[in-house]
Amino acid sequence: VKKVGAVDTKWIDDVDAALVLFMPGEQVGPALADLLTGVSSPGGRLPVTFPKATEERFTPLQYPGEGLKSEFSEGVLVGYRWNIAKQVEPAFPFGFGLSYTTFDMSGFSAECGGAGALVSLTVANTGAHEGSAVPQVYVGFAGLAPVVRQLRAFTKVYLQPDSKEVVSFALTEEDWSFYDETSQGWKSASDLGQPITISISTNSQDIVWSKSLTCASAA
């Protein structure tokens, strides 16, 4: 698939696999050959959500609109935030991606440190091929509503077969802050005494581990 953005996936059950290249450069030929023959392992992750063919995300007033006008009434529920809030499973979620090997995540930890939090886990390559995993950290709190959680950190880990690596993320109070329209200023979950749910995931839908924390405010 070579296309900018998401595509209709009603054909996905008719194929064994799908390789999404988006907008590749002039060396796409050799790169594609390496991926198809197993010289290299796919390691990308979707930067957008691929909807199911039956998904009804927009109202007629939102898209295509009426009288050359469209209403952007979805607010902050854009992309994967909409799917999570509406509990609608996509065809392929934001952050999704496969490779020629398998991974395991374990040894999870999330602890407050001052006004921030340190998150760590161990990623292991449990398959027979080298590859890259992309652990993702999502944060949710009451003040974020109607959004349930949103991406706050990720990293790509390259691993050989039977190898593992400890991965750490340093989150700050900014990661659980939001703009309050009433006071016209930024507020954090810490300021309001709201617990923070930190989730580790392989994509926006598939949560591997979560923990609730209440961290101190920097104020």
Protein backbone atom coordinates (compact mmCIF):
# COMPACT_ATOMS: atom_id res chain seq x y z
CA VAL A 1 0.00 0.00 0.00
CA LYS A 2 1.53 3.31 -1.10
CA LYS A 3 -0.73 6.14 -0.06
CA VAL A 4 -0.76 9.15 2.25
CA GLY A 5 -3.00 8.53 5.27
CA ALA A 6 -5.44 5.75 6.13
CA VAL A 7 -7.11 3.51 3.56
CA ASP A 8 -10.33 1.51 3.37
CA THR A 9 -9.51 -2.02 4.56
CA LYS A 10 -12.58 -3.98 3.41
CA TRP A 11 -10.20 -6.09 1.29
CA ILE A 12 -7.94 -7.14 4.18
CA ASP A 13 -9.51 -10.59 4.65
CA ASP A 14 -8.71 -11.46 1.03
CA VAL A 15 -4.92 -11.15 1.49
CA ASP A 16 -2.37 -12.93 3.67
CA ALA A 17 -0.59 -9.74 4.72
CA ALA A 18 -0.42 -6.03 4.04
CA LEU A 19 2.75 -3.95 3.83
CA VAL A 20 2.10 -0.21 4.16
CA LEU A 21 4.81 2.01 2.68
CA PHE A 22 2.97 5.38 2.70
CA MET A 23 5.19 7.69 0.56
CA PRO A 24 8.57 5.97 0.06
CA GLY A 25 11.64 7.50 -1.57
CA GLU A 26 13.63 6.59 -4.66
CA GLN A 27 15.18 3.49 -2.99
CA VAL A 28 11.79 1.89 -2.37
CA GLY A 29 12.59 -0.99 -4.75
CA PRO A 30 15.61 -2.42 -2.89
CA ALA A 31 14.01 -1.65 0.48
CA LEU A 32 10.80 -3.46 -0.47
CA ALA A 33 12.78 -6.44 -1.78
CA ASP A 34 14.67 -6.71 1.53
CA LEU A 35 11.41 -6.66 3.47
CA LEU A 36 9.65 -9.24 1.29
CA THR A 37 12.59 -11.64 1.28
CA GLY A 38 13.30 -11.38 5.00
CA VAL A 39 16.67 -9.65 4.72
CA SER A 40 15.17 -6.91 6.89
CA SER A 41 12.26 -7.06 9.29
CA PRO A 42 9.40 -4.53 9.09
CA GLY A 43 9.68 -2.08 11.97
CA GLY A 44 7.32 0.80 11.28
CA ARG A 45 4.21 1.67 13.28
CA LEU A 46 1.02 3.31 12.01
CA PRO A 47 0.95 7.09 12.62
CA VAL A 48 -2.79 7.05 11.91
CA THR A 49 -5.80 4.83 12.64
CA PHE A 50 -7.10 2.58 9.87
CA PRO A 51 -10.91 2.37 10.31
CA LYS A 52 -13.08 -0.65 9.67
CA ALA A 53 -15.22 -0.50 6.53
CA THR A 54 -18.37 -0.34 8.69
CA GLU A 55 -17.16 2.51 10.88
CA GLU A 56 -19.36 5.62 10.96
CA ARG A 57 -17.05 8.26 12.35
CA PHE A 58 -18.60 11.39 10.82
CA THR A 59 -22.11 12.77 10.68
CA PRO A 60 -23.31 14.18 7.33
CA LEU A 61 -22.82 17.69 8.74
CA GLN A 62 -19.20 16.91 9.60
CA TYR A 63 -18.38 15.23 6.28
CA PRO A 64 -19.04 15.98 3.49
CA GLY A 65 -21.03 18.84 5.01
CA GLU A 66 -23.85 20.91 3.58
CA GLY A 67 -23.73 24.03 1.43
CA LEU A 68 -19.92 23.84 1.13
CA LYS A 69 -19.63 23.99 4.94
CA SER A 70 -18.42 21.28 7.32
CA GLU A 71 -18.85 21.28 11.08
CA PHE A 72 -15.74 20.38 13.05
CA SER A 73 -17.78 19.31 16.08
CA GLU A 74 -15.60 16.34 17.05
CA GLY A 75 -13.55 18.60 19.32
CA VAL A 76 -10.50 16.80 20.73
CA LEU A 77 -11.79 13.36 19.77
CA VAL A 78 -9.60 13.04 16.71
CA GLY A 79 -7.92 9.86 15.48
CA TYR A 80 -7.33 7.13 18.05
CA ARG A 81 -8.85 9.28 20.80
CA TRP A 82 -12.24 8.93 19.08
CA ASN A 83 -11.99 5.14 18.82
CA ILE A 84 -11.08 4.75 22.49
CA ALA A 85 -13.71 7.19 23.78
CA LYS A 86 -16.48 5.71 21.61
CA GLN A 87 -15.27 2.12 22.23
CA VAL A 88 -15.10 1.46 18.49
CA GLU A 89 -12.46 -1.07 17.49
CA PRO A 90 -10.57 0.00 14.35
CA ALA A 91 -9.25 -2.27 11.62
CA PHE A 92 -5.70 -1.34 12.63
CA PRO A 93 -5.07 1.02 15.55
CA PHE A 94 -2.68 3.95 15.81
CA GLY A 95 0.79 2.64 16.69
CA PHE A 96 0.14 -0.85 15.26
CA GLY A 97 2.83 -2.77 13.42
CA LEU A 98 4.15 -6.30 12.98
CA SER A 99 7.56 -7.78 12.26
CA TYR A 100 9.04 -11.21 11.50
CA THR A 101 9.62 -11.92 15.18
CA THR A 102 7.72 -11.74 18.47
CA PHE A 103 8.28 -9.72 21.62
CA ASP A 104 7.43 -9.96 25.30
CA MET A 105 7.14 -7.10 27.77
CA SER A 106 7.65 -7.64 31.50
CA GLY A 107 9.11 -6.11 34.67
CA PHE A 108 6.81 -3.10 34.57
CA SER A 109 7.29 -0.22 36.99
CA ALA A 110 5.88 3.29 37.37
CA GLU A 111 6.75 5.45 40.35
CA CYS A 112 6.37 9.14 41.16
CA GLY A 113 9.57 11.14 41.40
CA GLY A 114 8.88 14.68 42.57
CA ALA A 115 6.42 16.21 40.13
CA GLY A 116 7.17 13.57 37.48
CA ALA A 117 7.21 9.81 37.14
CA LEU A 118 9.71 7.18 36.01
CA VAL A 119 8.32 4.34 33.92
CA SER A 120 10.35 1.26 33.04
CA LEU A 121 9.92 -2.19 31.54
CA THR A 122 11.91 -5.02 29.97
CA VAL A 123 11.45 -5.85 26.28
CA ALA A 124 12.57 -9.29 25.06
CA ASN A 125 12.82 -10.70 21.54
CA THR A 126 11.22 -14.14 21.86
CA GLY A 127 11.35 -15.08 18.18
CA ALA A 128 13.99 -16.34 15.74
CA HIS A 129 14.56 -13.13 13.75
CA GLU A 130 16.02 -9.76 14.61
CA GLY A 131 13.49 -6.98 14.86
CA SER A 132 12.32 -3.81 16.56
CA ALA A 133 9.67 -3.32 19.22
CA VAL A 134 8.01 0.02 19.98
CA PRO A 135 6.73 0.19 23.56
CA GLN A 136 4.32 3.11 23.98
CA VAL A 137 3.26 5.01 27.12
CA TYR A 138 -0.25 6.45 27.36
CA VAL A 139 -1.53 8.71 30.15
CA GLY A 140 -5.11 9.28 31.24
CA PHE A 141 -6.79 11.32 34.00
CA ALA A 142 -10.19 12.81 34.74
CA GLY A 143 -9.32 16.31 33.53
CA LEU A 144 -8.55 14.91 30.08
CA ALA A 145 -12.21 13.99 29.45
CA PRO A 146 -13.75 13.27 27.02
CA VAL A 147 -10.37 11.83 25.97
CA VAL A 148 -9.62 8.59 27.86
CA ARG A 149 -5.87 8.43 27.31
CA GLN A 150 -3.27 9.82 24.95
CA LEU A 151 0.26 8.97 23.87
CA ARG A 152 2.98 10.57 25.95
CA ALA A 153 6.15 8.61 25.13
CA PHE A 154 7.51 5.84 22.92
CA THR A 155 10.83 4.44 21.75
CA LYS A 156 12.07 1.89 19.24
CA VAL A 157 14.16 -1.00 20.59
CA TYR A 158 16.26 -3.10 18.18
CA LEU A 159 16.83 -6.64 19.47
CA GLN A 160 18.51 -9.79 18.26
CA PRO A 161 16.81 -13.16 18.92
CA ASP A 162 16.84 -14.21 22.61
CA SER A 163 18.02 -10.77 23.73
CA LYS A 164 16.31 -8.22 25.97
CA GLU A 165 16.67 -4.62 27.06
CA VAL A 166 15.41 -2.45 29.91
CA VAL A 167 13.58 0.63 28.63
CA SER A 168 12.88 3.73 30.73
CA PHE A 169 10.71 6.81 30.23
CA ALA A 170 10.88 10.01 32.29
CA LEU A 171 7.48 11.70 32.40
CA THR A 172 6.91 15.22 33.70
CA GLU A 173 3.90 17.13 35.02
CA GLU A 174 3.35 18.45 31.49
CA ASP A 175 2.36 14.91 30.49
CA TRP A 176 -0.77 15.10 32.66
CA SER A 177 -1.62 18.76 32.11
CA PHE A 178 -4.47 20.25 30.09
CA TYR A 179 -5.71 23.67 29.06
CA ASP A 180 -8.71 24.75 31.15
CA GLU A 181 -10.99 27.00 29.10
CA THR A 182 -12.82 28.33 32.16
CA SER A 183 -9.72 29.72 33.84
CA GLN A 184 -7.91 30.18 30.51
CA GLY A 185 -4.79 28.56 31.81
CA TRP A 186 -2.97 25.27 32.13
CA LYS A 187 -3.81 22.86 34.94
CA SER A 188 -2.41 19.48 35.85
CA ALA A 189 -3.94 16.38 37.38
CA SER A 190 -1.51 16.91 40.27
CA ASP A 191 -2.91 20.41 40.92
CA LEU A 192 -6.42 18.94 41.12
CA GLY A 193 -5.44 15.85 43.13
CA GLN A 194 -6.53 13.57 40.31
CA PRO A 195 -4.95 10.12 39.98
CA ILE A 196 -3.00 9.46 36.77
CA THR A 197 -3.34 6.19 34.89
CA ILE A 198 -0.11 5.25 33.16
CA SER A 199 -0.49 2.51 30.56
CA ILE A 200 2.13 0.63 28.57
CA SER A 201 0.96 -0.63 25.21
CA THR A 202 1.99 -1.92 21.81
CA ASN A 203 -0.55 0.40 20.16
CA SER A 204 -3.40 2.72 21.15
CA GLN A 205 -5.86 -0.15 21.73
CA ASP A 206 -3.92 -3.05 23.23
CA ILE A 207 -2.90 -2.14 26.77
CA VAL A 208 -0.29 -4.49 28.23
CA TRP A 209 -0.03 -2.99 31.73
CA SER A 210 -1.45 -0.07 33.71
CA LYS A 211 -0.92 1.59 37.07
CA SER A 212 -2.65 4.48 38.84
CA LEU A 213 -0.50 7.12 40.56
CA THR A 214 -1.05 10.42 42.35
CA CYS A 215 2.11 12.51 41.96
CA ALA A 216 3.03 15.80 43.66
CA SER A 217 2.52 19.13 41.97
CA ALA A 218 5.49 21.22 40.90
CA ALA A 219 3.70 24.37 42.10
